[in-house]
Amino acid sequence: MSSTSTKTEVSTLLQAYASALSASSTSKVMDLYTTDAVFMPQNFTTIEGHAAIKETYEKIFDTIALDVTMDVKEVHSFDDEWAFARTTTAGIQKVLKTGETSKEGNQELFVCQKVDGSWKMARYCFCSTNPPK
């Protein structure tokens, strides 16, 4: 049921997310989430709701800077309002306090919802693809 336009629109959403991460822009990131979104980052408890997710990104961007690119591996829609996407992200992470850099690599799963004609991230989970330190 995945139309070409849905794949293109969801891919565009996710590329905008990668750009917002690389810009350390909480406002740009939050524009891409639904108001009732759920964020499930590796090694953290689940974060629910727009306000809590915003606070989390503020803390992230106060701690690290990212320079990443995203590869959208697949997009599939359930219907006209719901789709999921599988992606990988690669790049560099910089710890702001020390300047230390390291390789950034993740695999992600997004559940996206069409809200008022625009695709948004409703659920997002990721884990690192880097070997344990």
C-alpha atoms as a PDB file:
ATOM      1  CA  MET A   1       0.000   0.000   0.000  1.00  0.00           C
ATOM      2  CA  SER A   2       3.030   2.312  -0.052  1.00  0.00           C
ATOM      3  CA  SER A   3       2.552   4.949  -2.710  1.00  0.00           C
ATOM      4  CA  THR A   4       5.482   6.720  -4.300  1.00  0.00           C
ATOM      5  CA  SER A   5       4.296  10.033  -2.839  1.00  0.00           C
ATOM      6  CA  THR A   6       4.128   8.581   0.693  1.00  0.00           C
ATOM      7  CA  LYS A   7       7.643   7.168   0.363  1.00  0.00           C
ATOM      8  CA  THR A   8       8.918  10.509  -0.922  1.00  0.00           C
ATOM      9  CA  GLU A   9       7.127  12.557   1.752  1.00  0.00           C
ATOM     10  CA  VAL A  10       8.235  10.329   4.643  1.00  0.00           C
ATOM     11  CA  SER A  11      11.799  10.229   3.296  1.00  0.00           C
ATOM     12  CA  THR A  12      11.772  14.037   3.094  1.00  0.00           C
ATOM     13  CA  LEU A  13      10.557  14.206   6.719  1.00  0.00           C
ATOM     14  CA  LEU A  14      13.374  11.955   7.887  1.00  0.00           C
ATOM     15  CA  GLN A  15      16.030  13.845   5.923  1.00  0.00           C
ATOM     16  CA  ALA A  16      14.739  17.032   7.571  1.00  0.00           C
ATOM     17  CA  TYR A  17      15.190  15.296  10.939  1.00  0.00           C
ATOM     18  CA  ALA A  18      18.819  14.409  10.135  1.00  0.00           C
ATOM     19  CA  SER A  19      19.436  18.025   9.083  1.00  0.00           C
ATOM     20  CA  ALA A  20      17.850  19.321  12.298  1.00  0.00           C
ATOM     21  CA  LEU A  21      20.077  17.000  14.348  1.00  0.00           C
ATOM     22  CA  SER A  22      23.176  18.246  12.529  1.00  0.00           C
ATOM     23  CA  ALA A  23      22.049  21.839  13.147  1.00  0.00           C
ATOM     24  CA  SER A  24      21.463  21.112  16.876  1.00  0.00           C
ATOM     25  CA  SER A  25      18.051  22.739  16.407  1.00  0.00           C
ATOM     26  CA  THR A  26      15.508  21.737  19.017  1.00  0.00           C
ATOM     27  CA  SER A  27      12.803  23.829  17.340  1.00  0.00           C
ATOM     28  CA  LYS A  28      13.368  22.206  13.940  1.00  0.00           C
ATOM     29  CA  VAL A  29      13.372  18.737  15.514  1.00  0.00           C
ATOM     30  CA  MET A  30      10.161  19.422  17.419  1.00  0.00           C
ATOM     31  CA  ASP A  31       8.379  20.670  14.283  1.00  0.00           C
ATOM     32  CA  LEU A  32       8.749  17.113  12.962  1.00  0.00           C
ATOM     33  CA  TYR A  33       7.078  15.301  15.892  1.00  0.00           C
ATOM     34  CA  THR A  34       3.375  14.782  16.598  1.00  0.00           C
ATOM     35  CA  THR A  35       2.088  16.357  19.829  1.00  0.00           C
ATOM     36  CA  ASP A  36       1.598  12.912  21.410  1.00  0.00           C
ATOM     37  CA  ALA A  37       4.879  11.457  20.154  1.00  0.00           C
ATOM     38  CA  VAL A  38       6.945   8.796  21.907  1.00  0.00           C
ATOM     39  CA  PHE A  39      10.765   8.781  21.765  1.00  0.00           C
ATOM     40  CA  MET A  40      12.629   5.596  22.739  1.00  0.00           C
ATOM     41  CA  PRO A  41      16.382   6.276  22.711  1.00  0.00           C
ATOM     42  CA  GLN A  42      18.877   3.560  23.520  1.00  0.00           C
ATOM     43  CA  ASN A  43      19.820   3.310  27.216  1.00  0.00           C
ATOM     44  CA  PHE A  44      17.065   5.702  28.342  1.00  0.00           C
ATOM     45  CA  THR A  45      13.529   5.306  29.584  1.00  0.00           C
ATOM     46  CA  THR A  46      10.728   6.012  27.140  1.00  0.00           C
ATOM     47  CA  ILE A  47       9.973   9.713  26.717  1.00  0.00           C
ATOM     48  CA  GLU A  48       6.333  10.580  26.046  1.00  0.00           C
ATOM     49  CA  GLY A  49       4.756  13.794  24.839  1.00  0.00           C
ATOM     50  CA  HIS A  50       5.953  16.895  23.060  1.00  0.00           C
ATOM     51  CA  ALA A  51       7.130  18.811  26.153  1.00  0.00           C
ATOM     52  CA  ALA A  52       9.188  15.928  27.557  1.00  0.00           C
ATOM     53  CA  ILE A  53      10.735  15.185  24.162  1.00  0.00           C
ATOM     54  CA  LYS A  54      11.632  18.860  23.715  1.00  0.00           C
ATOM     55  CA  GLU A  55      13.365  18.911  27.102  1.00  0.00           C
ATOM     56  CA  THR A  56      15.316  15.787  26.126  1.00  0.00           C
ATOM     57  CA  TYR A  57      16.582  17.314  22.870  1.00  0.00           C
ATOM     58  CA  GLU A  58      17.575  20.502  24.698  1.00  0.00           C
ATOM     59  CA  LYS A  59      19.723  18.382  27.027  1.00  0.00           C
ATOM     60  CA  ILE A  60      21.150  16.406  24.105  1.00  0.00           C
ATOM     61  CA  PHE A  61      22.122  19.537  22.172  1.00  0.00           C
ATOM     62  CA  ASP A  62      23.624  21.091  25.321  1.00  0.00           C
ATOM     63  CA  THR A  63      25.863  18.009  25.609  1.00  0.00           C
ATOM     64  CA  ILE A  64      26.770  16.910  22.077  1.00  0.00           C
ATOM     65  CA  ALA A  65      26.858  18.124  18.492  1.00  0.00           C
ATOM     66  CA  LEU A  66      26.041  15.743  15.662  1.00  0.00           C
ATOM     67  CA  ASP A  67      27.043  15.772  12.024  1.00  0.00           C
ATOM     68  CA  VAL A  68      25.045  12.934  10.494  1.00  0.00           C
ATOM     69  CA  THR A  69      23.511  11.681   7.287  1.00  0.00           C
ATOM     70  CA  MET A  70      20.535   9.376   7.103  1.00  0.00           C
ATOM     71  CA  ASP A  71      19.914   6.528   4.677  1.00  0.00           C
ATOM     72  CA  VAL A  72      16.229   5.642   4.382  1.00  0.00           C
ATOM     73  CA  LYS A  73      16.186   1.874   3.821  1.00  0.00           C
ATOM     74  CA  GLU A  74      12.441   1.374   3.504  1.00  0.00           C
ATOM     75  CA  VAL A  75       9.096   3.119   3.901  1.00  0.00           C
ATOM     76  CA  HIS A  76       5.776   1.267   4.074  1.00  0.00           C
ATOM     77  CA  SER A  77       2.339   2.755   4.694  1.00  0.00           C
ATOM     78  CA  PHE A  78      -0.510   1.096   6.551  1.00  0.00           C
ATOM     79  CA  ASP A  79      -3.106   3.486   5.165  1.00  0.00           C
ATOM     80  CA  ASP A  80      -3.350   7.161   4.216  1.00  0.00           C
ATOM     81  CA  GLU A  81      -2.409   8.339   7.738  1.00  0.00           C
ATOM     82  CA  TRP A  82       0.183   5.869   9.065  1.00  0.00           C
ATOM     83  CA  ALA A  83       3.538   4.635   7.779  1.00  0.00           C
ATOM     84  CA  PHE A  84       6.746   3.196   9.144  1.00  0.00           C
ATOM     85  CA  ALA A  85      10.326   3.662   8.038  1.00  0.00           C
ATOM     86  CA  ARG A  86      13.602   1.893   8.705  1.00  0.00           C
ATOM     87  CA  THR A  87      16.777   3.963   8.466  1.00  0.00           C
ATOM     88  CA  THR A  88      20.447   4.073   9.323  1.00  0.00           C
ATOM     89  CA  THR A  89      22.390   7.143  10.385  1.00  0.00           C
ATOM     90  CA  ALA A  90      26.142   7.667  10.243  1.00  0.00           C
ATOM     91  CA  GLY A  91      28.457  10.519  11.064  1.00  0.00           C
ATOM     92  CA  ILE A  92      30.350  12.162  13.894  1.00  0.00           C
ATOM     93  CA  GLN A  93      29.392  13.006  17.471  1.00  0.00           C
ATOM     94  CA  LYS A  94      31.280  15.746  19.337  1.00  0.00           C
ATOM     95  CA  VAL A  95      31.154  16.121  23.114  1.00  0.00           C
ATOM     96  CA  LEU A  96      30.842  19.872  23.617  1.00  0.00           C
ATOM     97  CA  LYS A  97      32.511  19.999  27.029  1.00  0.00           C
ATOM     98  CA  THR A  98      35.706  18.218  25.935  1.00  0.00           C
ATOM     99  CA  GLY A  99      35.740  18.537  22.154  1.00  0.00           C
ATOM    100  CA  GLU A 100      36.189  14.764  21.899  1.00  0.00           C
ATOM    101  CA  THR A 101      34.755  13.270  18.701  1.00  0.00           C
ATOM    102  CA  SER A 102      33.598   9.750  17.951  1.00  0.00           C
ATOM    103  CA  LYS A 103      31.903   7.837  15.191  1.00  0.00           C
ATOM    104  CA  GLU A 104      28.103   7.995  15.284  1.00  0.00           C
ATOM    105  CA  GLY A 105      26.151   5.072  13.847  1.00  0.00           C
ATOM    106  CA  ASN A 106      22.556   4.065  14.493  1.00  0.00           C
ATOM    107  CA  GLN A 107      19.705   2.052  13.111  1.00  0.00           C
ATOM    108  CA  GLU A 108      16.253   3.538  13.546  1.00  0.00           C
ATOM    109  CA  LEU A 109      12.601   2.663  13.315  1.00  0.00           C
ATOM    110  CA  PHE A 110      10.032   5.432  12.856  1.00  0.00           C
ATOM    111  CA  VAL A 111       6.252   5.253  12.962  1.00  0.00           C
ATOM    112  CA  CYS A 112       4.939   8.291  11.114  1.00  0.00           C
ATOM    113  CA  GLN A 113       1.477   9.840  11.157  1.00  0.00           C
ATOM    114  CA  LYS A 114      -0.051  12.253   8.673  1.00  0.00           C
ATOM    115  CA  VAL A 115      -1.383  15.226  10.644  1.00  0.00           C
ATOM    116  CA  ASP A 116      -3.203  18.056   8.877  1.00  0.00           C
ATOM    117  CA  GLY A 117      -1.727  16.951   5.555  1.00  0.00           C
ATOM    118  CA  SER A 118       1.902  16.638   6.724  1.00  0.00           C
ATOM    119  CA  TRP A 119       3.856  13.576   7.803  1.00  0.00           C
ATOM    120  CA  LYS A 120       5.198  13.734  11.372  1.00  0.00           C
ATOM    121  CA  MET A 121       7.184  11.383  13.594  1.00  0.00           C
ATOM    122  CA  ALA A 122       4.783   9.711  16.033  1.00  0.00           C
ATOM    123  CA  ARG A 123       7.074   7.015  17.443  1.00  0.00           C
ATOM    124  CA  TYR A 124      10.854   6.826  17.180  1.00  0.00           C
ATOM    125  CA  CYS A 125      13.260   4.183  18.458  1.00  0.00           C
ATOM    126  CA  PHE A 126      16.976   3.823  17.772  1.00  0.00           C
ATOM    127  CA  CYS A 127      20.011   1.835  18.816  1.00  0.00           C
ATOM    128  CA  SER A 128      23.695   2.156  18.068  1.00  0.00           C
ATOM    129  CA  THR A 129      25.391   0.101  15.383  1.00  0.00           C
ATOM    130  CA  ASN A 130      28.816   0.880  16.838  1.00  0.00           C
ATOM    131  CA  PRO A 131      30.583  -1.879  18.768  1.00  0.00           C
ATOM    132  CA  PRO A 132      30.441  -1.552  22.578  1.00  0.00           C
ATOM    133  CA  LYS A 133      33.322   0.393  24.126  1.00  0.00           C
END
